[in-house]
Protein backbone atom coordinates (compact mmCIF):
# COMPACT_ATOMS: atom_id res chain seq x y z
CA MET A 1 41.33 0.13 111.55
CA ALA A 2 44.42 1.90 110.28
CA PHE A 3 44.62 4.87 108.00
CA VAL A 4 47.35 6.01 105.61
CA SER A 5 47.37 9.58 104.38
CA PHE A 6 50.07 11.80 102.97
CA SER A 7 50.57 14.56 100.45
CA LEU A 8 53.73 15.78 98.80
CA PHE A 9 54.53 19.40 98.04
CA SER A 10 57.52 20.05 95.79
CA ILE A 11 59.12 23.11 94.24
CA THR A 12 61.58 22.66 91.41
CA GLY A 13 64.45 25.12 91.35
CA SER A 14 66.68 26.29 94.19
CA VAL A 15 64.22 25.27 96.90
CA PRO A 16 64.40 21.60 97.93
CA GLU A 17 61.45 19.26 97.93
CA VAL A 18 59.27 19.71 101.00
CA SER A 19 57.01 17.03 102.37
CA LEU A 20 53.79 18.69 103.47
CA TYR A 21 52.47 15.48 105.04
CA ALA A 22 54.57 12.40 105.66
CA PRO A 23 53.23 8.85 105.85
CA CYS A 24 51.79 8.07 109.26
CA CYS A 25 53.75 4.83 109.27
CA PRO A 26 56.68 4.67 106.78
CA ALA A 27 57.43 1.04 107.63
CA MET A 28 53.88 0.02 106.80
CA CYS A 29 53.99 1.94 103.53
CA ARG A 30 57.32 0.39 102.52
CA GLY A 31 55.97 -3.03 103.43
CA TRP A 32 52.93 -2.50 101.22
CA ALA A 33 55.05 -1.25 98.34
CA GLU A 34 57.47 -4.17 98.52
CA THR A 35 55.22 -7.08 99.43
CA GLY A 36 51.70 -5.98 98.53
CA SER A 37 50.60 -6.51 102.13
CA PRO A 38 50.94 -4.47 105.32
CA THR A 39 53.54 -5.06 108.02
CA SER A 40 52.57 -5.82 111.58
CA THR A 41 52.60 -2.14 112.56
CA VAL A 42 49.40 -1.19 114.37
CA LEU A 43 47.97 2.34 114.40
CA SER A 44 45.65 3.45 117.20
CA MET A 45 42.22 4.92 116.53
CA LYS A 46 40.01 7.42 118.31
CA ALA A 47 36.33 6.83 118.88
CA GLU A 48 34.21 5.73 115.93
CA GLY A 49 33.70 8.44 113.33
CA GLU A 50 36.87 10.38 114.24
CA GLU A 51 40.18 10.64 112.43
CA PRO A 52 43.03 8.27 113.41
CA VAL A 53 45.31 9.49 116.20
CA THR A 54 48.50 8.97 114.19
CA LYS A 55 47.37 10.25 110.85
CA LYS A 56 49.86 12.89 109.67
CA ARG A 57 52.88 14.80 110.90
CA ARG A 58 53.95 18.13 109.49
CA LEU A 59 57.52 18.67 108.34
CA SER A 60 59.34 21.97 107.97
CA ALA A 61 61.52 22.88 104.98
CA GLN A 62 65.14 21.92 105.64
CA PRO A 63 67.40 23.12 102.77
CA ASP A 64 70.05 20.49 103.50
CA SER A 65 67.65 17.63 104.13
CA PRO A 66 67.30 14.89 101.53
CA ALA A 67 64.01 14.61 99.71
CA PRO A 68 61.67 12.17 101.44
CA GLU A 69 61.44 8.70 100.00
CA GLU A 70 58.46 8.39 97.67
CA VAL A 71 56.13 5.46 98.19
CA ASN A 72 54.52 3.88 95.16
CA PHE A 73 51.27 1.96 95.54
CA SER A 74 50.52 0.00 92.41
CA GLU A 75 46.87 1.02 92.35
CA GLN A 76 47.10 4.37 94.12
CA LYS A 77 45.38 7.34 92.52
CA GLU A 78 46.68 10.86 92.83
CA ALA A 79 45.90 14.26 91.35
CA LEU A 80 48.34 17.04 90.60
CA CYS A 81 47.87 20.76 91.17
CA VAL A 82 50.53 22.72 89.32
CA SER A 83 51.29 26.35 88.51
CA VAL A 84 54.12 28.41 87.06
CA SER A 85 55.48 31.48 88.82
CA GLN A 86 53.72 34.69 87.82
CA ASP A 87 57.10 36.15 86.81
CA GLU A 88 57.29 34.33 83.48
CA LYS A 89 60.17 36.53 82.30
CA SER A 90 62.39 35.45 85.16
CA GLU A 91 65.20 33.08 84.23
CA SER A 92 64.72 31.17 87.48
CA ASN A 93 61.08 30.22 87.05
CA LYS A 94 59.84 27.96 89.79
CA LYS A 95 57.25 25.33 89.06
CA VAL A 96 55.08 24.49 92.02
CA ASN A 97 53.44 21.08 92.40
CA ILE A 98 50.99 19.88 95.00
CA LYS A 99 49.92 16.26 94.86
CA ARG A 100 46.62 15.06 96.26
CA HIS A 101 47.24 11.55 97.46
CA TRP A 102 44.88 8.69 98.07
CA GLU A 103 43.84 8.11 101.68
CA TYR A 104 43.23 4.44 102.43
CA PHE A 105 41.25 3.14 105.35
CA CYS A 106 43.75 0.32 105.64
CA GLN A 107 41.65 -2.63 106.68
CA HIS A 108 39.42 -2.05 103.66
CA SER A 109 42.12 -1.08 101.18
CA ARG A 110 42.92 -2.90 97.96
CA THR A 111 46.12 -4.26 99.51
CA MET A 112 44.08 -5.96 102.24
CA LYS A 113 41.73 -7.79 99.91
CA ILE A 114 44.13 -10.71 99.47
CA LEU A 115 44.31 -11.14 103.23
CA GLU A 116 40.56 -10.86 103.59
CA SER A 117 39.92 -13.44 100.90
CA THR A 118 42.26 -15.97 102.51
CA GLU A 119 40.85 -15.44 105.99
CA THR A 120 37.18 -15.49 105.04
CA ASP A 121 35.34 -18.78 105.37
CA GLN A 122 34.15 -20.24 102.08
CA SER A 123 30.56 -20.46 103.32
CA ASN A 124 30.58 -16.75 104.18
CA ARG A 125 31.87 -15.87 100.73
CA GLU A 126 29.03 -17.76 99.13
CA CYS A 127 26.34 -15.77 100.98
CA GLU A 128 28.01 -12.35 100.74
CA ALA A 129 28.57 -10.54 97.44
CA ARG A 130 31.11 -7.70 97.38
CA PHE A 131 31.34 -5.01 94.76
CA ASP A 132 33.92 -2.20 94.87
CA PHE A 133 33.45 0.99 92.86
CA THR A 134 34.59 4.61 92.78
CA VAL A 135 32.51 7.77 92.52
CA MET A 136 33.67 11.24 91.49
CA SER A 137 31.82 14.51 92.05
CA TYR A 138 33.19 17.40 89.98
CA ASN A 139 31.91 20.87 89.17
CA ILE A 140 33.78 21.44 85.90
CA LEU A 141 32.93 25.19 85.59
CA SER A 142 30.69 26.07 82.67
CA GLN A 143 32.46 28.34 80.18
CA ASN A 144 29.46 30.66 79.99
CA LEU A 145 29.36 31.02 83.77
CA LEU A 146 33.10 31.64 83.83
CA GLU A 147 32.74 34.47 81.33
CA ASP A 148 29.66 35.91 83.07
CA ASN A 149 31.56 35.98 86.38
CA SER A 150 35.00 37.00 85.15
CA HIS A 151 35.57 39.06 88.33
CA LEU A 152 36.09 35.77 90.18
CA TYR A 153 39.09 34.88 88.02
CA LYS A 154 41.17 38.06 88.03
CA HIS A 155 44.03 36.06 89.50
CA CYS A 156 44.21 33.84 86.40
CA ARG A 157 46.14 34.39 83.19
CA GLN A 158 43.67 34.71 80.34
CA ARG A 159 45.05 31.83 78.31
CA LEU A 160 44.13 29.46 81.14
CA LEU A 161 40.46 30.45 80.95
CA ILE A 162 39.63 29.55 77.36
CA TRP A 163 37.68 26.34 76.79
CA THR A 164 40.14 24.90 74.29
CA TYR A 165 42.78 25.01 77.04
CA ARG A 166 40.48 23.91 79.86
CA PHE A 167 38.70 20.91 78.35
CA PRO A 168 41.83 18.78 77.66
CA ASN A 169 42.88 19.33 81.27
CA ILE A 170 39.46 18.36 82.62
CA LEU A 171 39.37 15.27 80.42
CA GLN A 172 42.87 14.32 81.52
CA GLU A 173 41.81 14.55 85.18
CA ILE A 174 38.85 12.28 84.49
CA LYS A 175 41.09 9.79 82.66
CA GLN A 176 43.70 9.86 85.41
CA LEU A 177 41.27 9.34 88.29
CA ASP A 178 39.29 6.75 86.30
CA ALA A 179 36.15 6.73 88.44
CA ASP A 180 33.43 4.17 87.80
CA VAL A 181 30.73 6.83 88.28
CA LEU A 182 31.02 10.53 87.42
CA CYS A 183 28.67 13.14 88.87
CA LEU A 184 29.40 16.35 86.97
CA GLN A 185 27.95 19.81 87.54
CA GLU A 186 28.02 22.93 85.33
CA VAL A 187 28.18 20.83 82.18
CA GLN A 188 27.48 23.26 79.34
CA GLU A 189 24.97 21.81 76.90
CA ASP A 190 26.73 22.68 73.63
CA HIS A 191 30.06 21.40 74.94
CA TYR A 192 28.36 18.25 76.22
CA ARG A 193 26.71 17.64 72.87
CA LYS A 194 29.79 18.40 70.75
CA GLU A 195 32.66 16.84 72.71
CA ILE A 196 32.13 15.92 76.37
CA LYS A 197 29.64 13.10 75.78
CA SER A 198 31.57 11.51 72.93
CA SER A 199 34.88 11.81 74.81
CA LEU A 200 33.44 10.09 77.87
CA GLU A 201 31.77 7.39 75.78
CA SER A 202 35.16 6.62 74.24
CA LEU A 203 36.40 5.98 77.80
CA GLY A 204 33.66 3.41 78.37
CA TYR A 205 31.02 5.60 80.04
CA HIS A 206 27.29 5.77 79.43
CA CYS A 207 26.07 9.33 80.03
CA GLU A 208 22.78 10.75 81.31
CA TYR A 209 22.32 14.53 81.22
CA LYS A 210 19.80 17.04 82.54
CA MET A 211 20.04 20.62 81.34
CA ARG A 212 18.89 23.46 83.56
CA THR A 213 15.52 24.94 82.72
CA GLY A 214 14.81 28.39 81.30
CA ARG A 215 17.61 29.94 79.30
CA LYS A 216 20.40 28.44 81.37
CA SER A 217 23.00 26.68 79.25
CA ASP A 218 24.45 24.15 81.67
CA GLY A 219 23.26 21.19 83.69
CA CYS A 220 24.15 18.01 85.56
CA ALA A 221 25.44 14.72 84.17
CA ILE A 222 25.88 11.27 85.65
CA CYS A 223 28.15 8.95 83.68
CA PHE A 224 28.95 5.35 84.60
CA LYS A 225 31.25 2.64 83.28
CA THR A 226 29.18 0.14 81.33
CA SER A 227 31.65 -2.54 82.37
CA LYS A 228 30.56 -2.01 86.00
CA PHE A 229 26.88 -1.06 85.84
CA SER A 230 23.72 -1.25 83.79
CA LEU A 231 21.01 1.41 83.90
CA ILE A 232 17.71 0.57 85.58
CA SER A 233 16.16 4.05 85.46
CA SER A 234 17.06 7.70 84.89
CA ASN A 235 15.02 10.32 86.73
CA PRO A 236 15.57 14.04 86.10
CA VAL A 237 14.33 16.57 88.68
CA GLU A 238 13.40 20.15 87.76
CA PHE A 239 13.33 22.59 90.67
CA PHE A 240 11.48 25.29 88.72
CA ARG A 241 7.71 25.32 89.17
CA ARG A 242 5.75 27.92 87.27
CA ASP A 243 2.78 27.67 89.66
CA ILE A 244 4.87 28.18 92.83
CA PRO A 245 6.47 31.64 93.23
CA LEU A 246 9.09 30.28 95.65
CA LEU A 247 10.44 27.92 93.00
CA ASP A 248 11.44 30.42 90.34
CA ARG A 249 15.04 29.21 89.88
CA ASP A 250 16.31 26.90 87.15
CA ASN A 251 18.44 24.43 89.10
CA VAL A 252 18.05 20.71 88.48
CA GLY A 253 18.96 17.30 89.82
CA LEU A 254 19.38 13.83 88.35
CA VAL A 255 18.78 10.47 90.04
CA LEU A 256 19.87 7.15 88.52
CA LEU A 257 19.18 3.63 89.69
CA LEU A 258 22.06 1.38 88.65
CA GLN A 259 22.46 -2.39 88.60
CA PRO A 260 25.99 -3.44 89.61
CA LYS A 261 27.55 -6.17 87.50
CA PHE A 262 28.44 -8.53 90.35
CA PRO A 263 30.53 -11.64 89.69
CA CYS A 264 27.60 -13.61 91.08
CA LYS A 265 23.88 -13.11 90.52
CA THR A 266 22.19 -10.56 92.75
CA ASN A 267 19.32 -8.11 92.64
CA ALA A 268 21.29 -5.34 94.36
CA ALA A 269 20.86 -1.79 93.10
CA ILE A 270 22.58 1.51 93.85
CA CYS A 271 20.94 4.93 93.72
CA ILE A 272 23.20 7.74 92.46
CA ALA A 273 21.97 11.33 92.81
CA ASN A 274 23.60 14.50 91.50
CA THR A 275 22.58 18.14 91.88
CA HIS A 276 23.72 21.75 91.89
CA LEU A 277 21.64 23.80 94.32
CA LEU A 278 21.01 27.53 94.06
CA TYR A 279 24.01 29.72 94.91
CA ASN A 280 22.24 32.77 96.42
CA PRO A 281 23.31 32.83 100.12
CA ARG A 282 20.19 34.82 101.06
CA ARG A 283 17.66 32.30 99.75
CA GLY A 284 17.92 29.41 102.16
CA ASP A 285 14.21 28.79 101.69
CA ILE A 286 14.77 27.92 98.04
CA LYS A 287 17.82 25.77 98.82
CA LEU A 288 15.93 23.70 101.40
CA THR A 289 12.99 23.24 99.06
CA GLN A 290 15.25 22.17 96.19
CA LEU A 291 16.95 19.68 98.51
CA ALA A 292 13.57 18.34 99.66
CA MET A 293 12.55 17.81 96.03
CA LEU A 294 15.74 15.85 95.35
CA LEU A 295 15.26 13.74 98.49
CA ALA A 296 11.65 13.03 97.53
CA GLU A 297 12.79 11.75 94.13
CA ILE A 298 15.44 9.57 95.77
CA ALA A 299 12.78 8.21 98.14
CA SER A 300 10.61 7.25 95.16
CA VAL A 301 13.48 5.58 93.27
CA ALA A 302 15.44 3.81 96.03
CA PRO A 303 12.89 1.67 97.98
CA GLN A 304 13.43 -2.09 98.07
CA LYS A 305 10.85 -4.83 98.48
CA ASN A 306 11.71 -5.30 102.16
CA GLY A 307 10.77 -1.69 102.92
CA SER A 308 14.32 -0.38 103.29
CA PHE A 309 16.24 1.74 100.79
CA CYS A 310 18.97 0.53 98.49
CA PRO A 311 22.41 2.09 99.07
CA ILE A 312 22.49 5.77 98.10
CA VAL A 313 25.32 8.04 96.96
CA MET A 314 24.33 11.70 96.75
CA CYS A 315 26.82 14.06 95.12
CA GLY A 316 26.90 17.66 94.06
CA ASP A 317 27.60 21.31 94.63
CA PHE A 318 25.23 22.12 97.49
CA ASN A 319 26.33 25.76 97.87
CA SER A 320 26.37 25.24 101.63
CA VAL A 321 29.26 24.92 104.06
CA PRO A 322 29.97 22.19 106.64
CA GLY A 323 28.06 22.66 109.87
CA SER A 324 25.35 24.82 108.30
CA PRO A 325 21.68 23.98 108.96
CA LEU A 326 21.31 22.58 105.44
CA TYR A 327 24.40 20.40 105.86
CA ARG A 328 23.23 19.16 109.27
CA PHE A 329 19.83 18.34 107.83
CA ILE A 330 21.44 16.08 105.22
CA LYS A 331 23.59 14.24 107.77
CA GLU A 332 21.25 14.15 110.76
CA GLY A 333 18.01 13.59 108.87
CA LYS A 334 16.12 16.29 110.75
CA LEU A 335 15.93 20.07 111.01
CA ASN A 336 13.75 22.28 113.18
CA TYR A 337 13.76 25.53 111.22
CA GLU A 338 11.47 27.51 113.53
CA GLY A 339 13.03 30.96 113.99
CA LEU A 340 15.85 30.24 111.52
CA ALA A 341 16.94 33.26 109.47
CA ILE A 342 16.78 32.68 105.74
CA GLY A 343 20.38 33.84 105.27
CA LYS A 344 21.81 31.38 107.79
CA VAL A 345 20.58 28.18 106.13
CA SER A 346 23.67 27.62 103.96
CA GLY A 347 26.30 29.27 106.18
CA GLN A 348 27.95 30.89 103.16
CA GLU A 349 28.12 34.34 104.74
CA GLN A 350 29.70 35.05 108.11
CA PHE A 351 27.34 37.99 108.58
CA PRO A 352 24.29 36.94 106.56
CA ARG A 353 22.21 39.67 104.98
CA GLY A 354 19.05 37.62 104.67
CA GLN A 355 17.47 38.12 108.10
CA ARG A 356 13.89 37.20 107.22
CA ILE A 357 12.73 34.19 109.22
CA LEU A 358 11.77 31.05 107.31
CA SER A 359 8.02 30.68 106.93
CA ILE A 360 6.17 27.65 108.32
CA PRO A 361 5.81 25.61 106.20
CA ILE A 362 8.62 26.60 103.86
CA TRP A 363 6.89 25.39 100.70
CA PRO A 364 3.17 25.28 99.85
CA LYS A 365 1.13 22.09 99.97
CA LYS A 366 0.59 22.20 96.21
CA LEU A 367 4.24 21.15 95.75
CA GLY A 368 3.10 17.67 96.77
CA ILE A 369 6.03 16.97 99.09
CA SER A 370 5.60 16.30 102.80
CA GLN A 371 7.76 17.53 105.69
CA ASN A 372 9.31 14.04 105.56
CA CYS A 373 10.65 14.85 102.10
CA VAL A 374 8.57 12.25 100.27
CA TYR A 375 5.88 12.70 97.66
CA GLU A 376 2.50 13.24 99.36
CA ILE A 377 0.89 10.34 97.50
CA LYS A 378 3.35 7.86 99.01
CA GLN A 379 3.05 9.55 102.40
CA GLN A 380 -0.75 9.24 102.23
CA GLN A 381 -0.48 5.56 101.35
CA LYS A 382 1.63 4.96 104.46
CA GLU A 383 -0.81 6.92 106.61
CA ASP A 384 -3.75 4.95 105.18
CA ASP A 385 -2.00 1.68 105.94
CA ALA A 386 -1.33 2.84 109.48
CA GLY A 387 -4.94 4.01 109.79
CA GLU A 388 -6.28 0.53 109.06
CA LYS A 389 -4.46 -0.71 112.15
CA THR A 390 -5.92 2.02 114.41
CA GLU A 391 -9.58 2.07 113.41
CA GLY A 392 -10.59 1.92 117.06
CA ALA A 393 -8.85 5.17 117.98
CA THR A 394 -11.04 7.69 119.79
CA SER A 395 -11.79 11.21 118.65
CA ASP A 396 -9.68 12.50 121.55
CA ASN A 397 -6.71 10.58 120.21
CA THR A 398 -7.37 12.05 116.79
CA LYS A 399 -7.31 15.56 118.24
CA GLU A 400 -4.03 14.81 119.98
CA ILE A 401 -2.52 13.63 116.70
CA VAL A 402 -3.65 16.80 114.92
CA ILE A 403 -2.20 19.00 117.68
CA ALA A 404 1.09 17.07 117.61
CA SER A 405 1.20 17.43 113.83
CA GLU A 406 0.80 21.19 114.14
CA LYS A 407 3.63 21.37 116.68
CA LEU A 408 5.92 19.40 114.34
CA SER A 409 5.13 21.57 111.32
CA SER A 410 8.50 23.36 111.49
CA LYS A 411 10.44 20.09 111.47
CA LEU A 412 11.86 18.59 108.30
CA GLN A 413 12.90 14.96 108.17
CA HIS A 414 14.32 12.38 105.81
CA HIS A 415 15.13 8.72 106.45
CA PHE A 416 18.37 8.03 104.55
CA LYS A 417 20.93 8.41 107.38
CA LEU A 418 23.73 9.75 105.23
CA SER A 419 27.42 10.13 106.05
CA SER A 420 29.97 12.44 104.42
CA VAL A 421 33.01 10.98 102.68
CA TYR A 422 35.12 13.93 103.83
CA SER A 423 35.84 15.20 107.36
CA HIS A 424 36.05 18.89 106.27
CA TYR A 425 38.94 19.73 108.64
CA PHE A 426 42.54 18.57 108.97
CA PRO A 427 42.68 17.20 112.52
CA GLU A 428 46.23 18.26 113.38
CA THR A 429 45.88 21.90 112.37
CA GLY A 430 42.14 22.48 112.48
CA LEU A 431 42.39 24.07 109.04
CA PRO A 432 39.37 23.53 106.79
CA GLU A 433 39.44 21.44 103.65
CA VAL A 434 38.61 23.41 100.51
CA THR A 435 36.71 22.21 97.43
CA THR A 436 36.46 25.54 95.56
CA CYS A 437 38.89 28.45 95.40
CA HIS A 438 38.68 31.67 93.38
CA SER A 439 39.27 35.40 93.88
CA ARG A 440 36.39 35.84 96.33
CA SER A 441 36.37 32.73 98.49
CA ALA A 442 37.87 29.35 99.32
CA VAL A 443 35.44 26.99 101.04
CA THR A 444 33.84 23.55 100.95
CA VAL A 445 30.55 23.42 99.05
CA ASP A 446 30.96 20.08 97.21
CA TYR A 447 30.12 16.79 98.87
CA ILE A 448 29.75 13.06 98.45
CA PHE A 449 27.20 11.68 100.90
CA TYR A 450 26.53 7.95 101.20
CA SER A 451 24.39 5.52 103.17
CA ALA A 452 26.86 3.67 105.37
CA ALA A 453 26.85 -0.04 106.09
CA ASN A 454 26.42 -1.19 109.68
CA ASP A 455 30.14 -1.88 110.06
CA ASP A 456 31.41 1.24 108.28
CA SER A 457 33.57 2.74 111.02
CA VAL A 458 34.03 6.00 109.11
CA ALA A 459 30.36 6.90 109.48
CA GLN A 460 29.39 9.28 112.25
CA PRO A 461 28.09 7.73 115.50
CA GLY A 462 24.42 6.83 115.38
CA MET A 463 24.50 5.48 111.83
CA GLU A 464 24.86 1.84 112.88
CA ASP A 465 21.26 0.94 112.03
CA SER A 466 21.25 2.60 108.63
CA LEU A 467 21.02 -0.46 106.37
CA HIS A 468 21.16 -4.19 106.14
CA GLY A 469 24.20 -4.42 103.92
CA GLY A 470 25.10 -1.01 102.48
CA LEU A 471 28.30 0.84 101.62
CA LYS A 472 31.71 0.85 103.26
CA LEU A 473 34.04 3.74 102.55
CA LEU A 474 37.36 2.24 101.43
CA GLY A 475 39.24 5.41 100.60
CA ARG A 476 39.14 8.96 99.29
CA LEU A 477 41.28 11.42 97.35
CA ALA A 478 42.68 13.91 99.87
CA LEU A 479 41.57 17.53 99.70
CA LEU A 480 43.74 20.61 100.26
CA THR A 481 43.76 23.79 102.34
CA GLU A 482 43.27 27.31 101.03
CA LYS A 483 46.97 27.97 101.60
CA ASP A 484 47.88 24.93 99.50
CA LEU A 485 45.73 26.13 96.63
CA TRP A 486 47.05 29.69 96.64
CA THR A 487 50.54 28.19 96.47
CA VAL A 488 49.54 27.13 92.96
CA ASN A 489 47.78 30.44 92.20
CA GLY A 490 44.33 29.26 93.22
CA LEU A 491 41.83 27.77 90.79
CA PRO A 492 41.74 27.48 87.82
CA ASN A 493 45.48 27.09 87.22
CA GLU A 494 47.89 25.50 84.77
CA ASN A 495 46.85 21.95 85.52
CA ASN A 496 43.42 22.27 87.16
CA SER A 497 40.94 23.94 84.84
CA SER A 498 37.92 24.34 87.09
CA ASP A 499 37.44 26.53 90.15
CA HIS A 500 36.45 23.34 92.00
CA LEU A 501 38.48 20.27 92.90
CA PRO A 502 37.19 16.83 91.94
CA LEU A 503 36.08 14.69 94.88
CA LEU A 504 36.70 10.96 94.64
CA ALA A 505 35.77 8.06 96.91
CA GLU A 506 35.91 4.28 96.75
CA PHE A 507 33.08 2.21 98.22
CA ARG A 508 32.38 -1.43 98.82
CA LEU A 509 28.80 -2.60 98.34
CA ILE A 510 27.95 -5.57 100.50
CA GLU A 511 24.86 -7.51 99.48
CA ARG A 512 23.74 -10.19 101.90
């Protein structure tokens, strides 16, 4: 598998254009641009789940050097971050642009589909249905939350923060990236009702929306192209429970089951989930419980007749950083939280203030969700079915099972075997990718997780048995570093009107 990734950084004015990342293989890129197919250049790969060895090379600014040749892919997506120098009175204003380019996993890229179709045996094509689609996750920054937290945006000029300036920019980003599925967070209800919904419908989307509970004015939306999908079911999830003191926050989730419009007949379905978990870094207990509630809803929506789950894409602002216990739980499917401090769950604070240890169990039984993150009714049905097969078990065996259950009471599990679209670090520099950047922090908190197909080489090791069929990651829109974003005055800025970057990935669904 080869991988092409590059980003361009340009400054107009007296400073020449600087290439922040050059193509890993210029000859291959030129070959694609000219012929629509790759050249014979071969790029080496590390072990499965790692970044390619020859991915990017960094260039320094050379005033006398010519600008690097631009490569134009006919179907390549890119996003622009732009800002004007703070010294607006200066005659020599410099406009700074950073382009986020599309990263193709070459053997699965659009340019390879012609080759694949000619090399694939006709009989194989008849028994295998392929469906490519793109998914965006984007926290668009609710106007009310922006105004309530104005201290986070002291670096911004005031005119950039008004909704009438911001919304056209956000809509333009959505148009430009043209995703088949949108998972949006912080969608303010009055703006959704008055202009967001109608604007997206005019672009061919059907929209489902779940407003936060209580007096909160924003919520989550999932919108999909009606030309690509039909809706099977829409399932909102409220994380507030009046009868459970732990669950006193108004966050929500939304889970859709979609029917892809394949060229050929198939019963395949895709589960799309979207959420925005609690921000508070010191309430990891609430975050984990909210996540468990979302996973339980997915588990009730996504099962197939053969006992497996349909492919899942889970998006959102999880208010947790890569490598944190919450993040590892999503990817690894298990978490032993015994002795874990409540403030360390999300990893948001380097020196967490919440030192109270998580209680065992985290949530009360009345929530109706097991430690396997499924609804207790379904869990009981499975246990009853298993019990019918072991009627002859002795009382001693029963005691052993009870004791084992008690020992496992601090262990959470789920069975989706999810991979992350993004790697979270740039391999050459070790610098972290950033999905949100404002006056107080620049970190990754936004994610697209997906259930990887058996032959998806981007998935982390150990995911090979995740599905029969499933999703292959074909490509993603590159993220940026904190330094990159402060080059354009952080977020929001002239061209990017949220304090988060949109995440975008392309998948291939394989139905056998």
